[in-house]
Amino acid sequence: MSEAFHIVCPHCGVVNRIPAARISEQAKCGKCHRSLFSGHPNVRFIS
């Protein structure tokens, strides 16, 4: 089984599974269809 990353969408919060071989491609969220990577850090504080 290939390695995959779990990326949280910064827009809707859904967890998306991205295969390691495709991490450099323009990934989109499976729910809201917006880009998962904006080129800027996304910092969120959890309380």
C-alpha atoms as a PDB file:
ATOM      1  CA  MET A   1       0.000   0.000   0.000  1.00  0.00           C
ATOM      2  CA  SER A   2       1.411   3.415  -0.923  1.00  0.00           C
ATOM      3  CA  GLU A   3       1.994   6.195   1.559  1.00  0.00           C
ATOM      4  CA  ALA A   4      -0.603   8.979   1.733  1.00  0.00           C
ATOM      5  CA  PHE A   5      -0.945  12.291   3.535  1.00  0.00           C
ATOM      6  CA  HIS A   6      -4.081  13.460   5.299  1.00  0.00           C
ATOM      7  CA  ILE A   7      -4.591  17.143   4.505  1.00  0.00           C
ATOM      8  CA  VAL A   8      -7.302  19.230   6.167  1.00  0.00           C
ATOM      9  CA  CYS A   9      -9.055  21.637   3.810  1.00  0.00           C
ATOM     10  CA  PRO A  10      -8.470  25.225   5.025  1.00  0.00           C
ATOM     11  CA  HIS A  11     -11.892  26.246   3.687  1.00  0.00           C
ATOM     12  CA  CYS A  12     -14.336  23.590   4.928  1.00  0.00           C
ATOM     13  CA  GLY A  13     -12.288  21.488   7.389  1.00  0.00           C
ATOM     14  CA  VAL A  14     -12.729  18.117   5.663  1.00  0.00           C
ATOM     15  CA  VAL A  15      -9.802  15.672   5.810  1.00  0.00           C
ATOM     16  CA  ASN A  16      -8.562  14.684   2.339  1.00  0.00           C
ATOM     17  CA  ARG A  17      -6.236  11.739   1.611  1.00  0.00           C
ATOM     18  CA  ILE A  18      -3.518  12.695  -0.888  1.00  0.00           C
ATOM     19  CA  PRO A  19      -1.182   9.964  -2.232  1.00  0.00           C
ATOM     20  CA  ALA A  20       2.498  10.800  -1.640  1.00  0.00           C
ATOM     21  CA  ALA A  21       3.243  10.479  -5.359  1.00  0.00           C
ATOM     22  CA  ARG A  22       0.711  13.249  -6.135  1.00  0.00           C
ATOM     23  CA  ILE A  23       1.480  15.699  -3.308  1.00  0.00           C
ATOM     24  CA  SER A  24       3.158  18.187  -5.686  1.00  0.00           C
ATOM     25  CA  GLU A  25       0.071  18.432  -7.933  1.00  0.00           C
ATOM     26  CA  GLN A  26      -2.687  21.017  -7.514  1.00  0.00           C
ATOM     27  CA  ALA A  27      -4.901  19.111  -5.106  1.00  0.00           C
ATOM     28  CA  LYS A  28      -8.532  20.112  -4.598  1.00  0.00           C
ATOM     29  CA  CYS A  29     -10.871  19.302  -1.733  1.00  0.00           C
ATOM     30  CA  GLY A  30     -13.261  16.435  -2.379  1.00  0.00           C
ATOM     31  CA  LYS A  31     -16.131  18.285  -0.683  1.00  0.00           C
ATOM     32  CA  CYS A  32     -15.893  21.997  -1.557  1.00  0.00           C
ATOM     33  CA  HIS A  33     -13.598  21.586  -4.634  1.00  0.00           C
ATOM     34  CA  ARG A  34     -11.372  24.498  -3.604  1.00  0.00           C
ATOM     35  CA  SER A  35      -7.573  24.326  -3.639  1.00  0.00           C
ATOM     36  CA  LEU A  36      -5.971  22.591  -0.645  1.00  0.00           C
ATOM     37  CA  PHE A  37      -2.707  24.509  -0.981  1.00  0.00           C
ATOM     38  CA  SER A  38      -2.580  28.292  -1.237  1.00  0.00           C
ATOM     39  CA  GLY A  39       1.195  28.736  -1.001  1.00  0.00           C
ATOM     40  CA  HIS A  40       0.843  30.402   2.403  1.00  0.00           C
ATOM     41  CA  PRO A  41       0.939  28.843   5.873  1.00  0.00           C
ATOM     42  CA  ASN A  42      -2.431  28.191   7.442  1.00  0.00           C
ATOM     43  CA  VAL A  43      -2.178  28.554  11.204  1.00  0.00           C
ATOM     44  CA  ARG A  44      -5.115  27.553  13.380  1.00  0.00           C
ATOM     45  CA  PHE A  45      -5.269  27.479  17.136  1.00  0.00           C
ATOM     46  CA  ILE A  46      -7.144  24.654  18.811  1.00  0.00           C
ATOM     47  CA  SER A  47      -8.560  25.341  22.235  1.00  0.00           C
END
